[in-house]
Amino acid sequence: VSCVVSEDGSTYYADSVKGRFTISRDSSK
């Protein structure tokens, strides 16, 4: 569905959810 890259915080989404879903992490990780 979605992922975030640890090194630089890049995010990626499946086409089926793009624009509707948002992935995020808190500051403490």
mmCIF file of all heavy atoms, coordinates in Angstrom:
data_MODEL
# 
_entry.id   MODEL 
# 
loop_
_atom_site.group_PDB 
_atom_site.id 
_atom_site.type_symbol 
_atom_site.label_atom_id 
_atom_site.label_alt_id 
_atom_site.label_comp_id 
_atom_site.label_asym_id 
_atom_site.label_entity_id 
_atom_site.label_seq_id 
_atom_site.pdbx_PDB_ins_code 
_atom_site.Cartn_x 
_atom_site.Cartn_y 
_atom_site.Cartn_z 
_atom_site.occupancy 
_atom_site.B_iso_or_equiv 
_atom_site.pdbx_formal_charge 
_atom_site.auth_seq_id 
_atom_site.auth_comp_id 
_atom_site.auth_asym_id 
_atom_site.auth_atom_id 
_atom_site.pdbx_PDB_model_num 
ATOM 1   N N   . VAL A 1 1  ? 0.822  -1.206 0.000   1.00 0.00 ? 1  VAL A N   1 
ATOM 2   C CA  . VAL A 1 1  ? 0.000  0.000  0.000   1.00 0.00 ? 1  VAL A CA  1 
ATOM 3   C C   . VAL A 1 1  ? 0.857  1.257  0.000   1.00 0.00 ? 1  VAL A C   1 
ATOM 4   O O   . VAL A 1 1  ? 0.642  2.172  -0.796  1.00 0.00 ? 1  VAL A O   1 
ATOM 5   C CB  . VAL A 1 1  ? -0.956 0.003  1.205   1.00 0.00 ? 1  VAL A CB  1 
ATOM 6   C CG1 . VAL A 1 1  ? -1.715 1.319  1.298   1.00 0.00 ? 1  VAL A CG1 1 
ATOM 7   C CG2 . VAL A 1 1  ? -1.919 -1.175 1.121   1.00 0.00 ? 1  VAL A CG2 1 
ATOM 8   N N   . SER A 1 2  ? 1.831  1.304  0.903   1.00 0.00 ? 2  SER A N   1 
ATOM 9   C CA  . SER A 1 2  ? 2.667  2.488  1.053   1.00 0.00 ? 2  SER A CA  1 
ATOM 10  C C   . SER A 1 2  ? 3.901  2.132  1.855   1.00 0.00 ? 2  SER A C   1 
ATOM 11  O O   . SER A 1 2  ? 3.876  1.202  2.664   1.00 0.00 ? 2  SER A O   1 
ATOM 12  C CB  . SER A 1 2  ? 1.887  3.607  1.758   1.00 0.00 ? 2  SER A CB  1 
ATOM 13  O OG  . SER A 1 2  ? 2.663  4.785  1.874   1.00 0.00 ? 2  SER A OG  1 
ATOM 14  N N   . CYS A 1 3  ? 4.975  2.876  1.652   1.00 0.00 ? 3  CYS A N   1 
ATOM 15  C CA  . CYS A 1 3  ? 6.178  2.688  2.462   1.00 0.00 ? 3  CYS A CA  1 
ATOM 16  C C   . CYS A 1 3  ? 6.917  4.001  2.595   1.00 0.00 ? 3  CYS A C   1 
ATOM 17  O O   . CYS A 1 3  ? 6.711  4.941  1.820   1.00 0.00 ? 3  CYS A O   1 
ATOM 18  C CB  . CYS A 1 3  ? 7.098  1.610  1.878   1.00 0.00 ? 3  CYS A CB  1 
ATOM 19  S SG  . CYS A 1 3  ? 7.963  2.073  0.371   1.00 0.00 ? 3  CYS A SG  1 
ATOM 20  N N   . VAL A 1 4  ? 7.797  4.047  3.594   1.00 0.00 ? 4  VAL A N   1 
ATOM 21  C CA  . VAL A 1 4  ? 8.675  5.188  3.798   1.00 0.00 ? 4  VAL A CA  1 
ATOM 22  C C   . VAL A 1 4  ? 10.098 4.667  3.941   1.00 0.00 ? 4  VAL A C   1 
ATOM 23  O O   . VAL A 1 4  ? 10.343 3.679  4.636   1.00 0.00 ? 4  VAL A O   1 
ATOM 24  C CB  . VAL A 1 4  ? 8.238  6.036  5.017   1.00 0.00 ? 4  VAL A CB  1 
ATOM 25  C CG1 . VAL A 1 4  ? 8.167  5.200  6.284   1.00 0.00 ? 4  VAL A CG1 1 
ATOM 26  C CG2 . VAL A 1 4  ? 9.164  7.231  5.205   1.00 0.00 ? 4  VAL A CG2 1 
ATOM 27  N N   . VAL A 1 5  ? 11.029 5.319  3.285   1.00 0.00 ? 5  VAL A N   1 
ATOM 28  C CA  . VAL A 1 5  ? 12.429 4.918  3.289   1.00 0.00 ? 5  VAL A CA  1 
ATOM 29  C C   . VAL A 1 5  ? 13.131 5.527  4.491   1.00 0.00 ? 5  VAL A C   1 
ATOM 30  O O   . VAL A 1 5  ? 13.042 6.730  4.736   1.00 0.00 ? 5  VAL A O   1 
ATOM 31  C CB  . VAL A 1 5  ? 13.116 5.357  1.983   1.00 0.00 ? 5  VAL A CB  1 
ATOM 32  C CG1 . VAL A 1 5  ? 14.584 4.953  1.976   1.00 0.00 ? 5  VAL A CG1 1 
ATOM 33  C CG2 . VAL A 1 5  ? 12.394 4.766  0.787   1.00 0.00 ? 5  VAL A CG2 1 
ATOM 34  N N   . SER A 1 6  ? 13.849 4.695  5.246   1.00 0.00 ? 6  SER A N   1 
ATOM 35  C CA  . SER A 1 6  ? 14.476 5.152  6.481   1.00 0.00 ? 6  SER A CA  1 
ATOM 36  C C   . SER A 1 6  ? 15.532 6.218  6.243   1.00 0.00 ? 6  SER A C   1 
ATOM 37  O O   . SER A 1 6  ? 15.624 7.183  6.996   1.00 0.00 ? 6  SER A O   1 
ATOM 38  C CB  . SER A 1 6  ? 15.091 3.971  7.223   1.00 0.00 ? 6  SER A CB  1 
ATOM 39  O OG  . SER A 1 6  ? 14.106 3.026  7.592   1.00 0.00 ? 6  SER A OG  1 
ATOM 40  N N   . GLU A 1 7  ? 16.320 6.060  5.206   1.00 0.00 ? 7  GLU A N   1 
ATOM 41  C CA  . GLU A 1 7  ? 17.475 6.922  4.986   1.00 0.00 ? 7  GLU A CA  1 
ATOM 42  C C   . GLU A 1 7  ? 17.097 8.374  4.740   1.00 0.00 ? 7  GLU A C   1 
ATOM 43  O O   . GLU A 1 7  ? 17.706 9.280  5.324   1.00 0.00 ? 7  GLU A O   1 
ATOM 44  C CB  . GLU A 1 7  ? 18.307 6.405  3.817   1.00 0.00 ? 7  GLU A CB  1 
ATOM 45  C CG  . GLU A 1 7  ? 19.578 7.195  3.566   1.00 0.00 ? 7  GLU A CG  1 
ATOM 46  C CD  . GLU A 1 7  ? 20.415 6.618  2.452   1.00 0.00 ? 7  GLU A CD  1 
ATOM 47  O OE1 . GLU A 1 7  ? 19.873 5.871  1.623   1.00 0.00 ? 7  GLU A OE1 1 
ATOM 48  O OE2 . GLU A 1 7  ? 21.623 6.907  2.414   1.00 0.00 ? 7  GLU A OE2 1 
ATOM 49  N N   . ASP A 1 8  ? 16.099 8.611  3.912   1.00 0.00 ? 8  ASP A N   1 
ATOM 50  C CA  . ASP A 1 8  ? 15.788 9.982  3.521   1.00 0.00 ? 8  ASP A CA  1 
ATOM 51  C C   . ASP A 1 8  ? 14.327 10.377 3.689   1.00 0.00 ? 8  ASP A C   1 
ATOM 52  O O   . ASP A 1 8  ? 13.959 11.506 3.374   1.00 0.00 ? 8  ASP A O   1 
ATOM 53  C CB  . ASP A 1 8  ? 16.225 10.237 2.081   1.00 0.00 ? 8  ASP A CB  1 
ATOM 54  C CG  . ASP A 1 8  ? 15.528 9.342  1.070   1.00 0.00 ? 8  ASP A CG  1 
ATOM 55  O OD1 . ASP A 1 8  ? 14.615 8.589  1.449   1.00 0.00 ? 8  ASP A OD1 1 
ATOM 56  O OD2 . ASP A 1 8  ? 15.910 9.396  -0.112  1.00 0.00 ? 8  ASP A OD2 1 
ATOM 57  N N   . GLY A 1 9  ? 13.491 9.453  4.154   1.00 0.00 ? 9  GLY A N   1 
ATOM 58  C CA  . GLY A 1 9  ? 12.098 9.764  4.388   1.00 0.00 ? 9  GLY A CA  1 
ATOM 59  C C   . GLY A 1 9  ? 11.219 9.761  3.156   1.00 0.00 ? 9  GLY A C   1 
ATOM 60  O O   . GLY A 1 9  ? 10.055 10.174 3.245   1.00 0.00 ? 9  GLY A O   1 
ATOM 61  N N   . SER A 1 10 ? 11.727 9.324  2.026   1.00 0.00 ? 10 SER A N   1 
ATOM 62  C CA  . SER A 1 10 ? 10.916 9.251  0.817   1.00 0.00 ? 10 SER A CA  1 
ATOM 63  C C   . SER A 1 10 ? 9.724  8.334  1.031   1.00 0.00 ? 10 SER A C   1 
ATOM 64  O O   . SER A 1 10 ? 9.836  7.296  1.691   1.00 0.00 ? 10 SER A O   1 
ATOM 65  C CB  . SER A 1 10 ? 11.746 8.742  -0.358  1.00 0.00 ? 10 SER A CB  1 
ATOM 66  O OG  . SER A 1 10 ? 12.822 9.615  -0.639  1.00 0.00 ? 10 SER A OG  1 
ATOM 67  N N   . THR A 1 11 ? 8.598  8.703  0.466   1.00 0.00 ? 11 THR A N   1 
ATOM 68  C CA  . THR A 1 11 ? 7.384  7.912  0.590   1.00 0.00 ? 11 THR A CA  1 
ATOM 69  C C   . THR A 1 11 ? 6.894  7.470  -0.778  1.00 0.00 ? 11 THR A C   1 
ATOM 70  O O   . THR A 1 11 ? 7.091  8.164  -1.778  1.00 0.00 ? 11 THR A O   1 
ATOM 71  C CB  . THR A 1 11 ? 6.276  8.692  1.306   1.00 0.00 ? 11 THR A CB  1 
ATOM 72  O OG1 . THR A 1 11 ? 5.998  9.904  0.587   1.00 0.00 ? 11 THR A OG1 1 
ATOM 73  C CG2 . THR A 1 11 ? 6.703  9.044  2.726   1.00 0.00 ? 11 THR A CG2 1 
ATOM 74  N N   . TYR A 1 12 ? 6.235  6.316  -0.784  1.00 0.00 ? 12 TYR A N   1 
ATOM 75  C CA  . TYR A 1 12 ? 5.718  5.741  -2.013  1.00 0.00 ? 12 TYR A CA  1 
ATOM 76  C C   . TYR A 1 12 ? 4.341  5.152  -1.740  1.00 0.00 ? 12 TYR A C   1 
ATOM 77  O O   . TYR A 1 12 ? 4.062  4.688  -0.633  1.00 0.00 ? 12 TYR A O   1 
ATOM 78  C CB  . TYR A 1 12 ? 6.658  4.661  -2.552  1.00 0.00 ? 12 TYR A CB  1 
ATOM 79  C CG  . TYR A 1 12 ? 8.026  5.192  -2.886  1.00 0.00 ? 12 TYR A CG  1 
ATOM 80  C CD1 . TYR A 1 12 ? 9.060  5.128  -1.959  1.00 0.00 ? 12 TYR A CD1 1 
ATOM 81  C CD2 . TYR A 1 12 ? 8.283  5.776  -4.119  1.00 0.00 ? 12 TYR A CD2 1 
ATOM 82  C CE1 . TYR A 1 12 ? 10.312 5.633  -2.252  1.00 0.00 ? 12 TYR A CE1 1 
ATOM 83  C CE2 . TYR A 1 12 ? 9.533  6.283  -4.419  1.00 0.00 ? 12 TYR A CE2 1 
ATOM 84  C CZ  . TYR A 1 12 ? 10.542 6.208  -3.484  1.00 0.00 ? 12 TYR A CZ  1 
ATOM 85  O OH  . TYR A 1 12 ? 11.787 6.711  -3.779  1.00 0.00 ? 12 TYR A OH  1 
ATOM 86  N N   . TYR A 1 13 ? 3.512  5.162  -2.782  1.00 0.00 ? 13 TYR A N   1 
ATOM 87  C CA  . TYR A 1 13 ? 2.141  4.695  -2.654  1.00 0.00 ? 13 TYR A CA  1 
ATOM 88  C C   . TYR A 1 13 ? 1.739  3.850  -3.845  1.00 0.00 ? 13 TYR A C   1 
ATOM 89  O O   . TYR A 1 13 ? 2.169  4.089  -4.974  1.00 0.00 ? 13 TYR A O   1 
ATOM 90  C CB  . TYR A 1 13 ? 1.172  5.874  -2.564  1.00 0.00 ? 13 TYR A CB  1 
ATOM 91  C CG  . TYR A 1 13 ? 1.399  6.759  -1.366  1.00 0.00 ? 13 TYR A CG  1 
ATOM 92  C CD1 . TYR A 1 13 ? 2.268  7.840  -1.424  1.00 0.00 ? 13 TYR A CD1 1 
ATOM 93  C CD2 . TYR A 1 13 ? 0.741  6.503  -0.169  1.00 0.00 ? 13 TYR A CD2 1 
ATOM 94  C CE1 . TYR A 1 13 ? 2.482  8.648  -0.325  1.00 0.00 ? 13 TYR A CE1 1 
ATOM 95  C CE2 . TYR A 1 13 ? 0.949  7.313  0.939   1.00 0.00 ? 13 TYR A CE2 1 
ATOM 96  C CZ  . TYR A 1 13 ? 1.824  8.385  0.856   1.00 0.00 ? 13 TYR A CZ  1 
ATOM 97  O OH  . TYR A 1 13 ? 2.024  9.179  1.959   1.00 0.00 ? 13 TYR A OH  1 
ATOM 98  N N   . ALA A 1 14 ? 0.894  2.869  -3.583  1.00 0.00 ? 14 ALA A N   1 
ATOM 99  C CA  . ALA A 1 14 ? 0.261  2.145  -4.665  1.00 0.00 ? 14 ALA A CA  1 
ATOM 100 C C   . ALA A 1 14 ? -0.671 3.080  -5.426  1.00 0.00 ? 14 ALA A C   1 
ATOM 101 O O   . ALA A 1 14 ? -1.270 3.997  -4.848  1.00 0.00 ? 14 ALA A O   1 
ATOM 102 C CB  . ALA A 1 14 ? -0.527 0.955  -4.125  1.00 0.00 ? 14 ALA A CB  1 
ATOM 103 N N   . ASP A 1 15 ? -0.802 2.853  -6.723  1.00 0.00 ? 15 ASP A N   1 
ATOM 104 C CA  . ASP A 1 15 ? -1.673 3.697  -7.533  1.00 0.00 ? 15 ASP A CA  1 
ATOM 105 C C   . ASP A 1 15 ? -3.107 3.720  -7.007  1.00 0.00 ? 15 ASP A C   1 
ATOM 106 O O   . ASP A 1 15 ? -3.793 4.741  -7.108  1.00 0.00 ? 15 ASP A O   1 
ATOM 107 C CB  . ASP A 1 15 ? -1.666 3.226  -8.984  1.00 0.00 ? 15 ASP A CB  1 
ATOM 108 C CG  . ASP A 1 15 ? -0.359 3.520  -9.694  1.00 0.00 ? 15 ASP A CG  1 
ATOM 109 O OD1 . ASP A 1 15 ? 0.417  4.356  -9.206  1.00 0.00 ? 15 ASP A OD1 1 
ATOM 110 O OD2 . ASP A 1 15 ? -0.121 2.909  -10.752 1.00 0.00 ? 15 ASP A OD2 1 
ATOM 111 N N   . SER A 1 16 ? -3.544 2.619  -6.438  1.00 0.00 ? 16 SER A N   1 
ATOM 112 C CA  . SER A 1 16 ? -4.917 2.504  -5.986  1.00 0.00 ? 16 SER A CA  1 
ATOM 113 C C   . SER A 1 16 ? -5.243 3.399  -4.794  1.00 0.00 ? 16 SER A C   1 
ATOM 114 O O   . SER A 1 16 ? -6.418 3.664  -4.533  1.00 0.00 ? 16 SER A O   1 
ATOM 115 C CB  . SER A 1 16 ? -5.240 1.049  -5.640  1.00 0.00 ? 16 SER A CB  1 
ATOM 116 O OG  . SER A 1 16 ? -4.370 0.562  -4.638  1.00 0.00 ? 16 SER A OG  1 
ATOM 117 N N   . VAL A 1 17 ? -4.221 3.862  -4.067  1.00 0.00 ? 17 VAL A N   1 
ATOM 118 C CA  . VAL A 1 17 ? -4.464 4.679  -2.878  1.00 0.00 ? 17 VAL A CA  1 
ATOM 119 C C   . VAL A 1 17 ? -3.859 6.072  -2.971  1.00 0.00 ? 17 VAL A C   1 
ATOM 120 O O   . VAL A 1 17 ? -4.116 6.913  -2.097  1.00 0.00 ? 17 VAL A O   1 
ATOM 121 C CB  . VAL A 1 17 ? -3.951 3.985  -1.596  1.00 0.00 ? 17 VAL A CB  1 
ATOM 122 C CG1 . VAL A 1 17 ? -4.512 2.575  -1.488  1.00 0.00 ? 17 VAL A CG1 1 
ATOM 123 C CG2 . VAL A 1 17 ? -2.429 3.969  -1.550  1.00 0.00 ? 17 VAL A CG2 1 
ATOM 124 N N   . LYS A 1 18 ? -3.085 6.343  -3.994  1.00 0.00 ? 18 LYS A N   1 
ATOM 125 C CA  . LYS A 1 18 ? -2.411 7.627  -4.116  1.00 0.00 ? 18 LYS A CA  1 
ATOM 126 C C   . LYS A 1 18 ? -3.426 8.770  -4.144  1.00 0.00 ? 18 LYS A C   1 
ATOM 127 O O   . LYS A 1 18 ? -4.416 8.714  -4.866  1.00 0.00 ? 18 LYS A O   1 
ATOM 128 C CB  . LYS A 1 18 ? -1.546 7.656  -5.371  1.00 0.00 ? 18 LYS A CB  1 
ATOM 129 C CG  . LYS A 1 18 ? -0.622 8.856  -5.452  1.00 0.00 ? 18 LYS A CG  1 
ATOM 130 C CD  . LYS A 1 18 ? 0.320  8.749  -6.636  1.00 0.00 ? 18 LYS A CD  1 
ATOM 131 C CE  . LYS A 1 18 ? 1.299  9.911  -6.674  1.00 0.00 ? 18 LYS A CE  1 
ATOM 132 N NZ  . LYS A 1 18 ? 2.236  9.801  -7.816  1.00 0.00 ? 18 LYS A NZ  1 
ATOM 133 N N   . GLY A 1 19 ? -3.158 9.792  -3.345  1.00 0.00 ? 19 GLY A N   1 
ATOM 134 C CA  . GLY A 1 19 ? -4.065 10.917 -3.234  1.00 0.00 ? 19 GLY A CA  1 
ATOM 135 C C   . GLY A 1 19 ? -5.097 10.768 -2.150  1.00 0.00 ? 19 GLY A C   1 
ATOM 136 O O   . GLY A 1 19 ? -5.745 11.754 -1.783  1.00 0.00 ? 19 GLY A O   1 
ATOM 137 N N   . ARG A 1 20 ? -5.262 9.561  -1.621  1.00 0.00 ? 20 ARG A N   1 
ATOM 138 C CA  . ARG A 1 20 ? -6.230 9.302  -0.562  1.00 0.00 ? 20 ARG A CA  1 
ATOM 139 C C   . ARG A 1 20 ? -5.563 8.920  0.763   1.00 0.00 ? 20 ARG A C   1 
ATOM 140 O O   . ARG A 1 20 ? -6.075 9.254  1.826   1.00 0.00 ? 20 ARG A O   1 
ATOM 141 C CB  . ARG A 1 20 ? -7.194 8.189  -0.964  1.00 0.00 ? 20 ARG A CB  1 
ATOM 142 C CG  . ARG A 1 20 ? -7.994 8.495  -2.221  1.00 0.00 ? 20 ARG A CG  1 
ATOM 143 C CD  . ARG A 1 20 ? -9.061 7.437  -2.477  1.00 0.00 ? 20 ARG A CD  1 
ATOM 144 N NE  . ARG A 1 20 ? -8.478 6.111  -2.718  1.00 0.00 ? 20 ARG A NE  1 
ATOM 145 C CZ  . ARG A 1 20 ? -8.726 5.028  -1.987  1.00 0.00 ? 20 ARG A CZ  1 
ATOM 146 N NH1 . ARG A 1 20 ? -9.554 5.102  -0.943  1.00 0.00 ? 20 ARG A NH1 1 
ATOM 147 N NH2 . ARG A 1 20 ? -8.161 3.873  -2.296  1.00 0.00 ? 20 ARG A NH2 1 
ATOM 148 N N   . PHE A 1 21 ? -4.436 8.202  0.697   1.00 0.00 ? 21 PHE A N   1 
ATOM 149 C CA  . PHE A 1 21 ? -3.743 7.732  1.889   1.00 0.00 ? 21 PHE A CA  1 
ATOM 150 C C   . PHE A 1 21 ? -2.452 8.523  2.078   1.00 0.00 ? 21 PHE A C   1 
ATOM 151 O O   . PHE A 1 21 ? -1.820 8.949  1.107   1.00 0.00 ? 21 PHE A O   1 
ATOM 152 C CB  . PHE A 1 21 ? -3.381 6.251  1.771   1.00 0.00 ? 21 PHE A CB  1 
ATOM 153 C CG  . PHE A 1 21 ? -4.543 5.294  1.787   1.00 0.00 ? 21 PHE A CG  1 
ATOM 154 C CD1 . PHE A 1 21 ? -5.859 5.726  1.723   1.00 0.00 ? 21 PHE A CD1 1 
ATOM 155 C CD2 . PHE A 1 21 ? -4.299 3.927  1.872   1.00 0.00 ? 21 PHE A CD2 1 
ATOM 156 C CE1 . PHE A 1 21 ? -6.914 4.834  1.737   1.00 0.00 ? 21 PHE A CE1 1 
ATOM 157 C CE2 . PHE A 1 21 ? -5.340 3.024  1.889   1.00 0.00 ? 21 PHE A CE2 1 
ATOM 158 C CZ  . PHE A 1 21 ? -6.658 3.470  1.821   1.00 0.00 ? 21 PHE A CZ  1 
ATOM 159 N N   . THR A 1 22 ? -2.044 8.690  3.338   1.00 0.00 ? 22 THR A N   1 
ATOM 160 C CA  . THR A 1 22 ? -0.795 9.359  3.666   1.00 0.00 ? 22 THR A CA  1 
ATOM 161 C C   . THR A 1 22 ? -0.062 8.570  4.738   1.00 0.00 ? 22 THR A C   1 
ATOM 162 O O   . THR A 1 22 ? -0.629 8.282  5.795   1.00 0.00 ? 22 THR A O   1 
ATOM 163 C CB  . THR A 1 22 ? -1.036 10.788 4.168   1.00 0.00 ? 22 THR A CB  1 
ATOM 164 O OG1 . THR A 1 22 ? -1.764 11.531 3.189   1.00 0.00 ? 22 THR A OG1 1 
ATOM 165 C CG2 . THR A 1 22 ? 0.296  11.488 4.439   1.00 0.00 ? 22 THR A CG2 1 
ATOM 166 N N   . ILE A 1 23 ? 1.195  8.224  4.469   1.00 0.00 ? 23 ILE A N   1 
ATOM 167 C CA  . ILE A 1 23 ? 2.025  7.532  5.448   1.00 0.00 ? 23 ILE A CA  1 
ATOM 168 C C   . ILE A 1 23 ? 2.891  8.549  6.176   1.00 0.00 ? 23 ILE A C   1 
ATOM 169 O O   . ILE A 1 23 ? 3.336  9.541  5.589   1.00 0.00 ? 23 ILE A O   1 
ATOM 170 C CB  . ILE A 1 23 ? 2.888  6.444  4.772   1.00 0.00 ? 23 ILE A CB  1 
ATOM 171 C CG1 . ILE A 1 23 ? 3.533  5.526  5.811   1.00 0.00 ? 23 ILE A CG1 1 
ATOM 172 C CG2 . ILE A 1 23 ? 3.940  7.058  3.859   1.00 0.00 ? 23 ILE A CG2 1 
ATOM 173 C CD1 . ILE A 1 23 ? 4.180  4.286  5.196   1.00 0.00 ? 23 ILE A CD1 1 
ATOM 174 N N   . SER A 1 24 ? 3.133  8.328  7.465   1.00 0.00 ? 24 SER A N   1 
ATOM 175 C CA  . SER A 1 24 ? 3.956  9.242  8.237   1.00 0.00 ? 24 SER A CA  1 
ATOM 176 C C   . SER A 1 24 ? 4.565  8.518  9.427   1.00 0.00 ? 24 SER A C   1 
ATOM 177 O O   . SER A 1 24 ? 4.111  7.442  9.810   1.00 0.00 ? 24 SER A O   1 
ATOM 178 C CB  . SER A 1 24 ? 3.153  10.458 8.712   1.00 0.00 ? 24 SER A CB  1 
ATOM 179 O OG  . SER A 1 24 ? 2.098  10.061 9.574   1.00 0.00 ? 24 SER A OG  1 
ATOM 180 N N   . ARG A 1 25 ? 5.596  9.126  10.000  1.00 0.00 ? 25 ARG A N   1 
ATOM 181 C CA  . ARG A 1 25 ? 6.247  8.621  11.211  1.00 0.00 ? 25 ARG A CA  1 
ATOM 182 C C   . ARG A 1 25 ? 6.361  9.756  12.218  1.00 0.00 ? 25 ARG A C   1 
ATOM 183 O O   . ARG A 1 25 ? 6.456  10.924 11.842  1.00 0.00 ? 25 ARG A O   1 
ATOM 184 C CB  . ARG A 1 25 ? 7.630  8.062  10.893  1.00 0.00 ? 25 ARG A CB  1 
ATOM 185 C CG  . ARG A 1 25 ? 7.625  6.906  9.927   1.00 0.00 ? 25 ARG A CG  1 
ATOM 186 C CD  . ARG A 1 25 ? 9.026  6.500  9.556   1.00 0.00 ? 25 ARG A CD  1 
ATOM 187 N NE  . ARG A 1 25 ? 9.748  5.950  10.705  1.00 0.00 ? 25 ARG A NE  1 
ATOM 188 C CZ  . ARG A 1 25 ? 11.003 5.529  10.667  1.00 0.00 ? 25 ARG A CZ  1 
ATOM 189 N NH1 . ARG A 1 25 ? 11.679 5.602  9.528   1.00 0.00 ? 25 ARG A NH1 1 
ATOM 190 N NH2 . ARG A 1 25 ? 11.582 5.050  11.750  1.00 0.00 ? 25 ARG A NH2 1 
ATOM 191 N N   . ASP A 1 26 ? 6.379  9.416  13.507  1.00 0.00 ? 26 ASP A N   1 
ATOM 192 C CA  . ASP A 1 26 ? 6.569  10.452 14.514  1.00 0.00 ? 26 ASP A CA  1 
ATOM 193 C C   . ASP A 1 26 ? 8.050  10.767 14.669  1.00 0.00 ? 26 ASP A C   1 
ATOM 194 O O   . ASP A 1 26 ? 8.918  10.047 14.155  1.00 0.00 ? 26 ASP A O   1 
ATOM 195 C CB  . ASP A 1 26 ? 5.917  10.050 15.838  1.00 0.00 ? 26 ASP A CB  1 
ATOM 196 C CG  . ASP A 1 26 ? 6.629  8.917  16.549  1.00 0.00 ? 26 ASP A CG  1 
ATOM 197 O OD1 . ASP A 1 26 ? 7.619  8.370  16.029  1.00 0.00 ? 26 ASP A OD1 1 
ATOM 198 O OD2 . ASP A 1 26 ? 6.179  8.548  17.659  1.00 0.00 ? 26 ASP A OD2 1 
ATOM 199 N N   . SER A 1 27 ? 8.353  11.849 15.391  1.00 0.00 ? 27 SER A N   1 
ATOM 200 C CA  . SER A 1 27 ? 9.731  12.335 15.475  1.00 0.00 ? 27 SER A CA  1 
ATOM 201 C C   . SER A 1 27 ? 10.660 11.369 16.191  1.00 0.00 ? 27 SER A C   1 
ATOM 202 O O   . SER A 1 27 ? 11.873 11.353 15.921  1.00 0.00 ? 27 SER A O   1 
ATOM 203 C CB  . SER A 1 27 ? 9.758  13.702 16.181  1.00 0.00 ? 27 SER A CB  1 
ATOM 204 O OG  . SER A 1 27 ? 9.205  13.616 17.485  1.00 0.00 ? 27 SER A OG  1 
ATOM 205 N N   . SER A 1 28 ? 10.132 10.580 17.103  1.00 0.00 ? 28 SER A N   1 
ATOM 206 C CA  . SER A 1 28 ? 10.952 9.614  17.834  1.00 0.00 ? 28 SER A CA  1 
ATOM 207 C C   . SER A 1 28 ? 11.157 8.314  17.070  1.00 0.00 ? 28 SER A C   1 
ATOM 208 O O   . SER A 1 28 ? 11.895 7.436  17.518  1.00 0.00 ? 28 SER A O   1 
ATOM 209 C CB  . SER A 1 28 ? 10.323 9.315  19.192  1.00 0.00 ? 28 SER A CB  1 
ATOM 210 O OG  . SER A 1 28 ? 9.075  8.676  19.048  1.00 0.00 ? 28 SER A OG  1 
ATOM 211 N N   . LYS A 1 29 ? 10.471 8.170  15.954  1.00 0.00 ? 29 LYS A N   1 
ATOM 212 C CA  . LYS A 1 29 ? 10.595 7.021  15.061  1.00 0.00 ? 29 LYS A CA  1 
ATOM 213 C C   . LYS A 1 29 ? 10.183 5.704  15.702  1.00 0.00 ? 29 LYS A C   1 
ATOM 214 O O   . LYS A 1 29 ? 10.670 4.632  15.335  1.00 0.00 ? 29 LYS A O   1 
ATOM 215 C CB  . LYS A 1 29 ? 12.010 6.924  14.488  1.00 0.00 ? 29 LYS A CB  1 
ATOM 216 C CG  . LYS A 1 29 ? 12.437 8.135  13.697  1.00 0.00 ? 29 LYS A CG  1 
ATOM 217 C CD  . LYS A 1 29 ? 13.818 7.952  13.094  1.00 0.00 ? 29 LYS A CD  1 
ATOM 218 C CE  . LYS A 1 29 ? 14.223 9.170  12.291  1.00 0.00 ? 29 LYS A CE  1 
ATOM 219 N NZ  . LYS A 1 29 ? 15.573 9.019  11.690  1.00 0.00 ? 29 LYS A NZ  1 
# 
